Amino acid sequence: MAKKRRHHALRRRRTSLGATRVQVDPNAPKPVVSIIGYGPAGVEEHSGFDVKVAAEFRHRWAVTWIHVIGLGDANILHQLAELFHIHPLALAAIPHNQERPKVERYGETLHVVVRIVDSIGSPATEQLSVFCGPKFVISFEERMGDIFEPLRERIRERGRVYEPASDFLLYGILDGAIDAFFPVVETINDELEDIEELIPQAKPLALTPRLRTVKHHLIELRRALWPMREVMGALSTQDAAPIRPETRAYLRDCQDHCAQLLDIIASNRELATDLADLQLSVAGQRLNEVMKVLTIMATVFIPLTFISGIYGMNFDASVSPLNMPELRWYWGYPFALGIMLATALGLLYFFRRKGWL
């Protein structure tokens, strides 16, 4: 079944690359489009998509940023591709959410594909496709959960990212995408600290599902960040338009942030593995304690069972004086109980002296 699904996905990919129309997933969310243009004259925003508005923004402003959330409308993709001269190969790759993170150049336009978190604090990832060209940046997200509102706020406040250049806006988008990983990593780190505190108190292996979830999230984050670091490295070495030399230093800083996140994730993976081993060790230790108590109880009762077995045999003292004379003795029963009690106390004292109790 899995082989058929892979074959179907491959066929759909080949079909979409060879077709003139982009094929989108009918179950994909409908696009929510925001347009923001800025330059020395100020900032202007527009909600919703209108090809005439997009063309006007591109003509009037130094930089136009069109952000699309949801890939369920092929018409919008084709209109944007026609307006901004997006290559058909790059256009066909947008709806496919399993594209390899990469940097491709199509004339004066850069196509960057990375994986980002769905929302602030969420470990789930999605694909982000960004096109950066002269005076424009177009970004495509799969699902709702916009992490770029802080970037828009900085543009509105005329911050450093307000510099009217499309490559600097590309840096701002990628930097915001990388920064969104830090709260996720911090949340995972807090979760590991909680698990570490609970291991001595929790039931054996009760925390295993939480540890598995943490490990799954760490693997997913590593799969997103490892190729993103390579993408940042490729962008920081670009010496052609639209990437300017002064922007490459900021992109190298993004690459350093990726490396820092990867180091933290590697440390957390080691910690999660150590906690899993610690949990098994604690569970084994508790099992040993239980087995020790049961062994001591069994050891104490073995001689008691032996004594009671001897006195439970059906011998007749009238036949022979050797056939348990204690059976007719007035204090025979208390004598047998006393022997049992003395044996049990003697064994417990012996175990205590040996340090087994």
Protein backbone atom coordinates (compact mmCIF):
# COMPACT_ATOMS: atom_id res chain seq x y z
CA MET A 1 0.00 0.00 0.00
CA ALA A 2 2.82 2.39 0.90
CA LYS A 3 4.55 1.54 -2.38
CA LYS A 4 1.40 2.43 -4.31
CA ARG A 5 1.15 5.77 -2.49
CA ARG A 6 4.77 6.59 -3.35
CA HIS A 7 4.16 5.62 -6.97
CA HIS A 8 1.04 7.79 -7.08
CA ALA A 9 2.91 10.74 -5.60
CA LEU A 10 5.69 10.33 -8.17
CA ARG A 11 3.18 10.19 -11.01
CA ARG A 12 1.41 13.29 -9.71
CA ARG A 13 4.77 15.10 -9.45
CA ARG A 14 5.71 14.19 -13.04
CA THR A 15 2.29 15.14 -14.31
CA SER A 16 2.38 18.52 -12.65
CA LEU A 17 5.84 19.27 -14.01
CA GLY A 18 4.81 18.47 -17.52
CA ALA A 19 1.46 20.21 -17.43
CA THR A 20 0.73 23.84 -18.19
CA ARG A 21 -1.59 24.14 -15.19
CA VAL A 22 -0.50 23.67 -11.59
CA GLN A 23 -2.35 20.85 -9.87
CA VAL A 24 -3.17 21.66 -6.25
CA ASP A 25 -4.53 19.44 -3.52
CA PRO A 26 -8.33 19.92 -3.43
CA ASN A 27 -8.21 19.52 0.36
CA ALA A 28 -5.60 22.25 0.79
CA PRO A 29 -6.72 25.44 2.59
CA LYS A 30 -7.86 28.29 0.39
CA PRO A 31 -5.26 31.06 0.12
CA VAL A 32 -5.24 34.01 2.51
CA VAL A 33 -3.16 36.74 0.87
CA SER A 34 -1.58 39.80 2.45
CA ILE A 35 0.33 42.43 0.49
CA ILE A 36 2.65 44.99 2.01
CA GLY A 37 4.65 47.58 0.12
CA TYR A 38 7.24 49.92 1.59
CA GLY A 39 9.94 52.35 0.66
CA PRO A 40 11.22 55.81 1.55
CA ALA A 41 7.68 57.21 1.18
CA GLY A 42 6.17 54.93 3.85
CA VAL A 43 4.28 51.66 4.20
CA GLU A 44 1.03 50.43 2.65
CA GLU A 45 -0.85 47.19 3.28
CA HIS A 46 -3.63 45.35 1.50
CA SER A 47 -5.58 42.22 2.50
CA GLY A 48 -6.78 39.78 -0.14
CA PHE A 49 -5.45 39.17 -3.61
CA ASP A 50 -6.07 41.38 -6.61
CA VAL A 51 -3.66 41.17 -9.51
CA LYS A 52 -4.15 44.87 -10.29
CA VAL A 53 -3.33 45.83 -6.70
CA ALA A 54 -0.26 43.60 -6.73
CA ALA A 55 0.92 45.17 -10.00
CA GLU A 56 0.32 48.66 -8.63
CA PHE A 57 2.25 47.90 -5.43
CA ARG A 58 5.18 46.55 -7.41
CA HIS A 59 5.26 49.64 -9.62
CA ARG A 60 4.85 52.15 -6.77
CA TRP A 61 6.90 50.75 -3.88
CA ALA A 62 10.60 49.97 -3.51
CA VAL A 63 9.74 46.50 -2.13
CA THR A 64 6.51 44.54 -2.40
CA TRP A 65 5.94 41.53 -0.16
CA ILE A 66 3.09 39.15 -1.01
CA HIS A 67 2.51 36.44 1.56
CA VAL A 68 0.16 33.56 0.70
CA ILE A 69 -1.11 31.18 3.39
CA GLY A 70 -2.85 28.15 1.88
CA LEU A 71 -2.24 26.54 -1.51
CA GLY A 72 -5.75 25.50 -2.49
CA ASP A 73 -6.27 27.86 -5.45
CA ALA A 74 -4.27 27.31 -8.64
CA ASN A 75 -5.60 30.51 -10.25
CA ILE A 76 -3.85 32.72 -7.70
CA LEU A 77 -0.59 30.83 -8.24
CA HIS A 78 -0.85 31.29 -12.02
CA GLN A 79 -1.68 34.99 -11.75
CA LEU A 80 1.30 35.58 -9.46
CA ALA A 81 3.55 33.56 -11.76
CA GLU A 82 2.45 35.58 -14.77
CA LEU A 83 2.83 38.92 -12.99
CA PHE A 84 6.24 38.23 -11.47
CA HIS A 85 7.60 35.91 -14.21
CA ILE A 86 7.99 32.84 -12.00
CA HIS A 87 9.51 29.90 -13.84
CA PRO A 88 7.03 27.04 -14.56
CA LEU A 89 9.28 24.51 -12.80
CA ALA A 90 9.35 26.60 -9.65
CA LEU A 91 5.60 27.24 -9.89
CA ALA A 92 4.85 23.52 -10.15
CA ALA A 93 6.95 22.83 -7.04
CA ILE A 94 4.97 25.20 -4.80
CA PRO A 95 1.97 22.93 -3.99
CA HIS A 96 4.17 19.90 -3.25
CA ASN A 97 4.94 20.00 0.46
CA GLN A 98 7.77 17.45 0.34
CA GLU A 99 10.22 19.49 -1.73
CA ARG A 100 13.85 19.25 -0.74
CA PRO A 101 15.09 22.48 0.93
CA LYS A 102 17.08 24.27 -1.73
CA VAL A 103 18.10 27.50 -3.44
CA GLU A 104 17.45 27.78 -7.17
CA ARG A 105 18.12 30.71 -9.47
CA TYR A 106 15.77 31.46 -12.37
CA GLY A 107 17.17 34.51 -14.13
CA GLU A 108 17.02 37.41 -11.66
CA THR A 109 14.71 35.52 -9.28
CA LEU A 110 15.81 33.30 -6.42
CA HIS A 111 13.61 30.43 -5.32
CA VAL A 112 14.22 29.35 -1.71
CA VAL A 113 12.51 26.33 -0.14
CA VAL A 114 12.82 25.61 3.59
CA ARG A 115 10.77 24.03 6.35
CA ILE A 116 9.44 26.20 9.16
CA VAL A 117 7.30 25.67 12.26
CA ASP A 118 3.54 26.02 11.86
CA SER A 119 3.21 28.61 14.62
CA ILE A 120 5.15 30.03 17.54
CA GLY A 121 5.80 27.20 19.99
CA SER A 122 4.53 24.42 17.72
CA PRO A 123 6.93 21.56 16.87
CA ALA A 124 5.00 20.70 13.69
CA THR A 125 6.70 21.89 10.50
CA GLU A 126 5.49 22.96 7.09
CA GLN A 127 7.05 24.04 3.81
CA LEU A 128 7.84 27.65 3.00
CA SER A 129 8.58 28.68 -0.58
CA VAL A 130 10.02 32.16 -1.15
CA PHE A 131 10.66 33.97 -4.44
CA CYS A 132 12.97 36.96 -4.27
CA GLY A 133 13.43 39.17 -7.28
CA PRO A 134 13.90 42.84 -8.18
CA LYS A 135 11.63 44.88 -5.90
CA PHE A 136 9.48 41.93 -4.79
CA VAL A 137 9.32 38.96 -2.44
CA ILE A 138 6.56 36.33 -2.64
CA SER A 139 6.23 33.70 0.08
CA PHE A 140 3.95 30.67 0.23
CA GLU A 141 2.92 28.83 3.40
CA GLU A 142 0.93 25.61 3.56
CA ARG A 143 -1.31 26.24 6.57
CA MET A 144 -2.63 28.99 8.77
CA GLY A 145 -0.39 29.87 11.70
CA ASP A 146 1.53 32.91 10.48
CA ILE A 147 4.88 33.38 12.28
CA PHE A 148 5.80 36.53 10.35
CA GLU A 149 3.62 39.08 12.13
CA PRO A 150 6.62 40.32 14.19
CA LEU A 151 8.39 41.03 10.89
CA ARG A 152 5.42 43.04 9.64
CA GLU A 153 5.43 44.99 12.90
CA ARG A 154 9.07 45.88 12.40
CA ILE A 155 8.30 47.04 8.87
CA ARG A 156 5.42 49.16 10.15
CA GLU A 157 7.67 50.64 12.82
CA ARG A 158 10.31 51.42 10.16
CA GLY A 159 12.92 49.21 11.85
CA ARG A 160 16.18 47.87 10.42
CA VAL A 161 14.37 45.45 8.14
CA TYR A 162 12.64 48.49 6.65
CA GLU A 163 15.67 48.89 4.38
CA PRO A 164 14.07 49.08 0.92
CA ALA A 165 15.72 46.07 -0.69
CA SER A 166 14.16 42.74 -1.54
CA ASP A 167 17.20 40.72 -0.45
CA PHE A 168 17.04 42.26 3.01
CA LEU A 169 13.37 41.34 3.25
CA LEU A 170 14.33 37.78 2.25
CA TYR A 171 16.81 37.82 5.11
CA GLY A 172 14.09 39.10 7.46
CA ILE A 173 11.73 36.28 6.46
CA LEU A 174 14.36 33.58 6.90
CA ASP A 175 15.59 35.11 10.15
CA GLY A 176 12.01 35.16 11.49
CA ALA A 177 11.56 31.53 10.43
CA ILE A 178 14.72 30.52 12.29
CA ASP A 179 13.83 32.56 15.39
CA ALA A 180 10.49 30.73 15.57
CA PHE A 181 12.41 27.50 16.28
CA PHE A 182 13.89 28.82 19.54
CA PRO A 183 10.61 28.79 21.57
CA VAL A 184 9.98 25.23 20.36
CA VAL A 185 13.44 24.10 21.45
CA GLU A 186 13.00 25.85 24.82
CA THR A 187 9.64 24.12 25.34
CA ILE A 188 11.22 20.74 24.59
CA ASN A 189 14.05 21.52 26.99
CA ASP A 190 11.52 22.36 29.73
CA GLU A 191 9.68 19.12 28.98
CA LEU A 192 12.89 17.12 29.39
CA GLU A 193 13.59 18.84 32.72
CA ASP A 194 10.07 17.96 33.94
CA ILE A 195 10.54 14.35 32.87
CA GLU A 196 13.89 14.20 34.65
CA GLU A 197 12.24 15.35 37.89
CA LEU A 198 9.36 12.90 37.54
CA ILE A 199 11.39 9.78 36.77
CA PRO A 200 12.21 8.94 40.42
CA GLN A 201 8.54 9.38 41.42
CA ALA A 202 6.57 8.05 38.47
CA LYS A 203 5.51 4.48 37.90
CA PRO A 204 8.00 2.36 35.93
CA LEU A 205 7.97 3.28 32.21
CA ALA A 206 5.01 5.66 32.70
CA LEU A 207 6.96 8.48 31.04
CA THR A 208 7.92 6.47 27.95
CA PRO A 209 5.18 8.01 25.71
CA ARG A 210 6.33 11.52 26.61
CA LEU A 211 9.94 10.67 25.88
CA ARG A 212 8.98 9.15 22.53
CA THR A 213 7.04 12.30 21.63
CA VAL A 214 10.01 14.49 22.55
CA LYS A 215 12.37 12.35 20.47
CA HIS A 216 9.97 12.50 17.50
CA HIS A 217 9.81 16.30 17.73
CA LEU A 218 13.60 16.57 17.97
CA ILE A 219 14.04 14.40 14.88
CA GLU A 220 11.52 16.49 12.94
CA LEU A 221 13.21 19.74 13.99
CA ARG A 222 16.62 18.40 13.01
CA ARG A 223 15.28 17.38 9.59
CA ALA A 224 14.05 20.95 9.12
CA LEU A 225 17.12 22.79 10.41
CA TRP A 226 19.95 20.70 8.99
CA PRO A 227 19.17 21.49 5.32
CA MET A 228 18.17 25.05 6.28
CA ARG A 229 21.73 25.62 7.45
CA GLU A 230 22.94 24.50 4.03
CA VAL A 231 20.45 26.86 2.38
CA MET A 232 21.76 29.77 4.50
CA GLY A 233 25.29 28.85 3.51
CA ALA A 234 24.36 28.84 -0.17
CA LEU A 235 22.61 32.21 0.11
CA SER A 236 25.50 33.79 2.04
CA THR A 237 27.87 32.93 -0.82
CA GLN A 238 25.61 34.28 -3.57
CA ASP A 239 27.48 37.09 -5.33
CA ALA A 240 24.79 37.94 -7.87
CA ALA A 241 21.57 39.92 -7.78
CA PRO A 242 19.35 40.15 -5.87
CA ILE A 243 21.70 39.23 -2.98
CA ARG A 244 23.98 42.18 -2.21
CA PRO A 245 27.36 41.85 -0.45
CA GLU A 246 26.14 43.74 2.63
CA THR A 247 23.24 41.30 3.04
CA ARG A 248 25.44 38.21 2.95
CA ALA A 249 26.79 39.01 6.42
CA TYR A 250 23.23 38.87 7.83
CA LEU A 251 22.61 35.58 6.05
CA ARG A 252 25.77 34.16 7.60
CA ASP A 253 24.34 35.17 10.97
CA CYS A 254 21.24 33.13 10.13
CA GLN A 255 23.51 30.21 9.33
CA ASP A 256 25.13 30.58 12.77
CA HIS A 257 21.69 30.57 14.41
CA CYS A 258 20.86 27.34 12.58
CA ALA A 259 24.08 25.80 13.84
CA GLN A 260 23.26 26.94 17.37
CA LEU A 261 19.81 25.38 17.18
CA LEU A 262 21.26 22.15 15.83
CA ASP A 263 23.71 22.02 18.74
CA ILE A 264 20.87 22.48 21.23
CA ILE A 265 18.80 19.80 19.49
CA ALA A 266 21.77 17.39 19.55
CA SER A 267 22.21 18.03 23.29
CA ASN A 268 18.50 17.48 23.90
CA ARG A 269 18.56 14.24 21.91
CA GLU A 270 21.41 12.98 24.07
CA LEU A 271 19.53 14.07 27.19
CA ALA A 272 16.38 12.29 26.01
CA THR A 273 18.39 9.11 25.41
CA ASP A 274 20.01 9.41 28.84
CA LEU A 275 16.59 9.93 30.45
CA ALA A 276 15.24 6.84 28.69
CA ASP A 277 18.20 4.85 30.04
CA LEU A 278 17.67 6.38 33.48
CA GLN A 279 14.01 5.43 33.40
CA LEU A 280 14.90 1.84 32.56
CA SER A 281 17.51 1.85 35.30
CA VAL A 282 15.02 3.16 37.87
CA ALA A 283 12.44 0.61 36.73
CA GLY A 284 15.03 -2.16 37.02
CA GLN A 285 16.07 -0.93 40.45
CA ARG A 286 12.48 -0.94 41.65
CA LEU A 287 12.01 -4.42 40.25
CA ASN A 288 15.14 -5.54 42.09
CA GLU A 289 13.77 -4.09 45.34
CA VAL A 290 10.53 -6.02 44.85
CA MET A 291 12.40 -9.20 43.99
CA LYS A 292 14.62 -8.76 47.05
CA VAL A 293 11.61 -8.49 49.36
CA LEU A 294 9.95 -11.49 47.73
CA THR A 295 13.19 -13.50 47.93
CA ILE A 296 13.62 -12.68 51.62
CA MET A 297 10.02 -13.68 52.33
CA ALA A 298 10.48 -16.93 50.42
CA THR A 299 13.79 -17.61 52.20
CA VAL A 300 12.17 -17.07 55.60
CA PHE A 301 9.26 -19.35 54.84
CA ILE A 302 11.32 -22.21 53.38
CA PRO A 303 12.56 -23.48 56.82
CA LEU A 304 9.15 -22.79 58.34
CA THR A 305 7.57 -24.93 55.65
CA PHE A 306 10.18 -27.60 56.33
CA ILE A 307 9.40 -27.65 60.06
CA SER A 308 5.65 -27.64 59.53
CA GLY A 309 6.04 -30.40 56.93
CA ILE A 310 7.89 -32.62 59.39
CA TYR A 311 5.32 -32.13 62.12
CA GLY A 312 2.53 -32.65 59.66
CA MET A 313 3.55 -36.24 58.87
CA ASN A 314 1.16 -38.95 60.08
CA PHE A 315 3.39 -40.94 62.46
CA ASP A 316 2.02 -42.79 65.49
CA ALA A 317 4.03 -42.24 68.67
CA SER A 318 2.45 -45.36 70.26
CA VAL A 319 4.12 -47.64 67.74
CA SER A 320 7.65 -46.40 68.40
CA PRO A 321 9.14 -43.79 70.70
CA LEU A 322 11.10 -42.56 67.66
CA ASN A 323 7.92 -41.63 65.80
CA MET A 324 7.69 -38.00 66.91
CA PRO A 325 7.29 -38.16 70.65
CA GLU A 326 6.43 -34.44 70.54
CA LEU A 327 3.01 -35.34 69.13
CA ARG A 328 1.89 -36.52 72.61
CA TRP A 329 3.79 -33.87 74.49
CA TYR A 330 1.68 -31.24 76.31
CA TRP A 331 3.84 -28.37 74.99
CA GLY A 332 4.48 -29.87 71.57
CA TYR A 333 2.46 -27.33 69.54
CA PRO A 334 3.93 -24.24 71.27
CA PHE A 335 7.34 -25.88 70.92
CA ALA A 336 6.92 -26.20 67.12
CA LEU A 337 5.66 -22.61 66.82
CA GLY A 338 8.59 -21.42 68.92
CA ILE A 339 11.06 -23.18 66.66
CA MET A 340 9.44 -21.53 63.64
CA LEU A 341 9.50 -18.08 65.26
CA ALA A 342 13.11 -18.46 66.36
CA THR A 343 14.12 -19.60 62.88
CA ALA A 344 12.38 -16.65 61.23
CA LEU A 345 13.89 -14.11 63.62
CA GLY A 346 17.31 -15.68 63.25
CA LEU A 347 17.16 -15.41 59.47
CA LEU A 348 15.99 -11.78 59.60
CA TYR A 349 18.82 -10.96 62.00
CA PHE A 350 21.28 -12.67 59.66
CA PHE A 351 19.96 -10.72 56.63
CA ARG A 352 20.21 -7.48 58.58
CA ARG A 353 23.81 -8.16 59.56
CA LYS A 354 24.65 -8.84 55.89
CA GLY A 355 23.04 -5.56 54.80
CA TRP A 356 20.37 -7.25 52.72
CA LEU A 357 17.58 -5.49 54.62
